[in-house]
N, C-alpha and C. Protein backbone atom coordinates (compact mmCIF):
# COMPACT_ATOMS: atom_id res chain seq x y z
N UNK A 1 0.95 -3.65 14.88
CA UNK A 1 0.44 -4.59 13.74
C UNK A 1 -1.13 -4.07 13.48
N UNK A 2 -1.43 -3.72 14.35
CA UNK A 2 -2.91 -3.13 14.33
C UNK A 2 -3.09 -1.85 13.19
N UNK A 3 -2.19 -1.28 13.06
CA UNK A 3 -2.09 -0.08 12.14
C UNK A 3 -2.06 -0.62 10.65
N UNK A 4 -1.03 -1.70 10.62
CA UNK A 4 -0.83 -2.70 9.19
C UNK A 4 -2.36 -3.00 8.87
N UNK A 5 -3.06 -3.53 9.81
CA UNK A 5 -4.22 -4.23 9.49
C UNK A 5 -5.24 -3.29 9.14
N UNK A 6 -5.15 -1.99 9.84
CA UNK A 6 -6.26 -0.87 9.38
C UNK A 6 -5.88 -0.57 8.05
N UNK A 7 -4.76 -0.21 7.72
CA UNK A 7 -4.34 0.18 6.25
C UNK A 7 -4.65 -0.59 5.37
N UNK A 8 -4.61 -2.20 5.46
CA UNK A 8 -5.01 -3.01 4.63
C UNK A 8 -6.45 -3.06 4.39
N UNK A 9 -7.21 -2.69 5.57
CA UNK A 9 -8.78 -2.58 5.28
C UNK A 9 -9.24 -1.73 4.43
N UNK A 10 -8.46 -0.41 4.76
CA UNK A 10 -8.81 0.75 4.06
C UNK A 10 -8.53 0.57 2.48
N UNK A 11 -7.39 0.07 2.37
CA UNK A 11 -6.98 -0.18 0.93
C UNK A 11 -7.99 -1.32 0.06
N UNK A 12 -8.40 -2.33 0.69
CA UNK A 12 -9.29 -3.04 0.31
C UNK A 12 -10.63 -2.26 -0.35
N UNK A 13 -11.15 -1.61 0.75
CA UNK A 13 -12.41 -0.88 0.50
C UNK A 13 -12.22 0.13 -0.56
N UNK A 14 -10.93 0.65 -0.74
CA UNK A 14 -10.97 1.65 -1.93
C UNK A 14 -10.40 1.29 -3.37
N UNK A 15 -10.13 -0.06 -3.30
CA UNK A 15 -9.37 -0.85 -4.38
C UNK A 15 -10.20 -0.76 -5.59
N UNK A 16 -11.52 -0.14 -5.74
CA UNK A 16 -12.20 -0.08 -6.92
C UNK A 16 -11.89 1.11 -7.85
N UNK A 17 -11.29 2.15 -7.29
CA UNK A 17 -10.74 3.25 -7.87
C UNK A 17 -9.21 3.56 -7.72
N UNK A 18 -8.77 3.44 -8.75
CA UNK A 18 -7.04 3.78 -8.89
C UNK A 18 -6.82 5.10 -8.25
N UNK A 19 -7.41 6.13 -8.32
CA UNK A 19 -7.08 7.44 -7.57
C UNK A 19 -6.99 7.26 -6.16
N UNK A 20 -8.32 6.62 -5.64
CA UNK A 20 -8.17 6.51 -4.24
C UNK A 20 -7.20 5.53 -3.33
N UNK A 21 -7.13 4.44 -4.44
CA UNK A 21 -6.04 3.56 -3.95
C UNK A 21 -4.60 4.21 -3.87
N UNK A 22 -4.27 4.73 -4.75
CA UNK A 22 -2.79 5.37 -4.87
C UNK A 22 -2.80 6.39 -3.63
N UNK A 23 -3.78 7.10 -3.57
CA UNK A 23 -4.06 8.04 -2.47
C UNK A 23 -3.75 7.29 -0.91
N UNK A 24 -4.63 6.53 -0.68
CA UNK A 24 -4.47 5.65 0.50
C UNK A 24 -3.41 4.97 0.74
N UNK A 25 -2.86 4.27 -0.42
CA UNK A 25 -1.56 3.67 -0.28
C UNK A 25 -0.39 4.56 0.04
N UNK A 26 -0.17 5.85 -0.42
CA UNK A 26 0.65 6.79 -0.16
C UNK A 26 0.56 6.94 1.52
N UNK A 27 -0.62 7.43 2.01
CA UNK A 27 -0.82 7.53 3.49
C UNK A 27 -0.50 6.45 4.24
N UNK A 28 -0.73 5.19 3.87
CA UNK A 28 -0.42 4.07 4.50
C UNK A 28 0.93 3.99 4.81
N UNK A 29 1.87 4.03 3.68
CA UNK A 29 3.24 3.86 3.53
C UNK A 29 3.95 5.17 4.77
N UNK A 30 3.48 6.13 4.68
CA UNK A 30 3.91 7.18 5.76
C UNK A 30 3.59 6.86 7.16
N UNK A 31 2.52 6.28 7.34
CA UNK A 31 2.00 6.08 8.73
C UNK A 31 2.72 4.83 9.27
N UNK A 32 3.06 3.74 8.47
CA UNK A 32 3.91 2.56 8.94
C UNK A 32 5.20 2.78 9.25
N UNK A 33 5.45 1.94 10.25
CA UNK A 33 7.17 1.67 10.44
C UNK A 33 7.77 0.94 9.27
N UNK A 34 9.07 0.84 9.12
CA UNK A 34 9.56 0.29 7.82
C UNK A 34 9.14 -1.27 7.85
N UNK A 35 9.41 -1.86 8.74
CA UNK A 35 9.17 -3.49 8.86
C UNK A 35 7.64 -3.57 8.33
N UNK A 36 6.69 -2.99 8.68
CA UNK A 36 5.38 -2.87 8.51
C UNK A 36 5.13 -2.56 7.01
N UNK A 37 6.10 -1.53 6.50
CA UNK A 37 5.79 -1.17 5.04
C UNK A 37 6.35 -2.38 4.27
N UNK A 38 6.90 -3.00 4.63
CA UNK A 38 7.51 -4.26 3.78
C UNK A 38 6.68 -5.31 3.69
N UNK A 39 5.98 -5.31 4.94
CA UNK A 39 4.67 -6.39 4.95
C UNK A 39 3.63 -5.82 4.11
N UNK A 40 3.41 -4.52 4.19
CA UNK A 40 2.25 -4.03 3.52
C UNK A 40 2.48 -4.30 1.92
N UNK A 41 3.85 -4.04 1.34
CA UNK A 41 4.37 -4.23 -0.03
C UNK A 41 3.76 -5.77 -0.56
N UNK A 42 4.21 -6.65 0.38
CA UNK A 42 3.94 -8.26 -0.02
C UNK A 42 2.57 -8.35 -0.08
N UNK A 43 1.97 -7.52 0.76
CA UNK A 43 0.32 -7.97 0.71
C UNK A 43 -0.22 -7.13 -0.37
N UNK A 44 0.19 -6.03 -1.00
CA UNK A 44 -0.45 -5.46 -2.11
C UNK A 44 -0.22 -6.05 -3.47
N UNK A 45 1.04 -6.39 -3.36
CA UNK A 45 1.44 -7.44 -4.64
C UNK A 45 0.58 -8.50 -4.65
N UNK A 46 0.30 -9.16 -3.46
CA UNK A 46 -0.47 -10.32 -3.40
C UNK A 46 -2.01 -10.13 -3.93
N UNK A 47 -2.33 -8.94 -3.31
CA UNK A 47 -4.04 -8.84 -3.34
C UNK A 47 -4.36 -7.87 -4.90
N UNK A 48 -3.56 -6.83 -5.26
CA UNK A 48 -3.68 -5.93 -6.11
C UNK A 48 -2.51 -5.84 -7.16
N UNK A 49 -1.46 -6.93 -7.22
CA UNK A 49 -0.68 -6.67 -8.24
C UNK A 49 -0.87 -6.93 -9.65
N UNK A 50 -1.92 -7.66 -10.00
CA UNK A 50 -2.30 -7.69 -11.30
C UNK A 50 -2.96 -6.30 -11.86
N UNK A 51 -3.85 -5.47 -10.71
CA UNK A 51 -4.50 -4.40 -11.29
C UNK A 51 -3.78 -3.23 -11.40
N UNK A 52 -2.88 -2.95 -9.82
CA UNK A 52 -2.34 -1.66 -9.95
C UNK A 52 -0.83 -1.77 -9.56
N UNK A 53 -0.08 -2.81 -10.29
CA UNK A 53 1.12 -2.91 -10.13
C UNK A 53 2.07 -1.65 -10.25
N UNK A 54 1.62 -0.92 -11.37
CA UNK A 54 2.29 0.40 -11.53
C UNK A 54 2.26 1.37 -10.30
N UNK A 55 1.20 1.50 -9.62
CA UNK A 55 0.96 2.30 -8.51
C UNK A 55 1.55 1.79 -7.47
N UNK A 56 1.96 0.36 -7.27
CA UNK A 56 2.33 -0.31 -5.86
C UNK A 56 4.05 0.12 -6.32
N UNK A 57 4.36 -0.34 -7.18
CA UNK A 57 5.98 -0.13 -7.47
C UNK A 57 6.28 1.32 -7.25
N UNK A 58 5.50 2.07 -7.89
CA UNK A 58 5.95 3.37 -7.86
C UNK A 58 5.87 3.96 -6.00
N UNK A 59 4.92 3.58 -5.67
CA UNK A 59 4.69 3.96 -4.33
C UNK A 59 5.67 3.75 -3.36
N UNK A 60 6.27 2.14 -3.50
CA UNK A 60 6.88 1.81 -2.54
C UNK A 60 8.64 2.38 -2.93
N UNK A 61 8.64 2.13 -4.07
CA UNK A 61 10.18 2.70 -4.54
C UNK A 61 10.46 4.03 -3.89
N UNK A 62 9.41 4.87 -4.02
CA UNK A 62 9.77 6.03 -3.38
C UNK A 62 10.01 6.12 -2.03
N UNK A 63 9.34 5.35 -1.06
CA UNK A 63 9.32 5.22 0.48
C UNK A 63 10.58 4.46 0.78
N UNK A 64 11.00 3.59 -0.10
CA UNK A 64 12.02 2.63 0.18
C UNK A 64 13.22 3.28 -0.15
N UNK A 65 13.39 4.35 -1.05
CA UNK A 65 14.60 5.00 -1.29
C UNK A 65 14.96 6.20 -0.46
N UNK A 66 14.04 6.21 0.39
CA UNK A 66 14.29 7.34 1.39
C UNK A 66 15.04 6.84 2.75
C-alpha cells in the first residue's frame, strides 16, 4: 500500500501539467500490482477525472488489457 500512496503523492504534485501527469501515471501503473492499479484508477477518477479523463481512461485501458 505504501507504493500506492507514493504514486498518489507524485501524481498530485505533477497534476498541473498534462504531459507530466500522463508520464507519471504510466510509470505508476507499471510499478503497482493489479489490485493497487484498480485502487489508483478509482482515485484518479475522483481527483482528476474532470481535467484528465482522456489520459486516465487511455492509460488504464492499456494496462488492464494486458
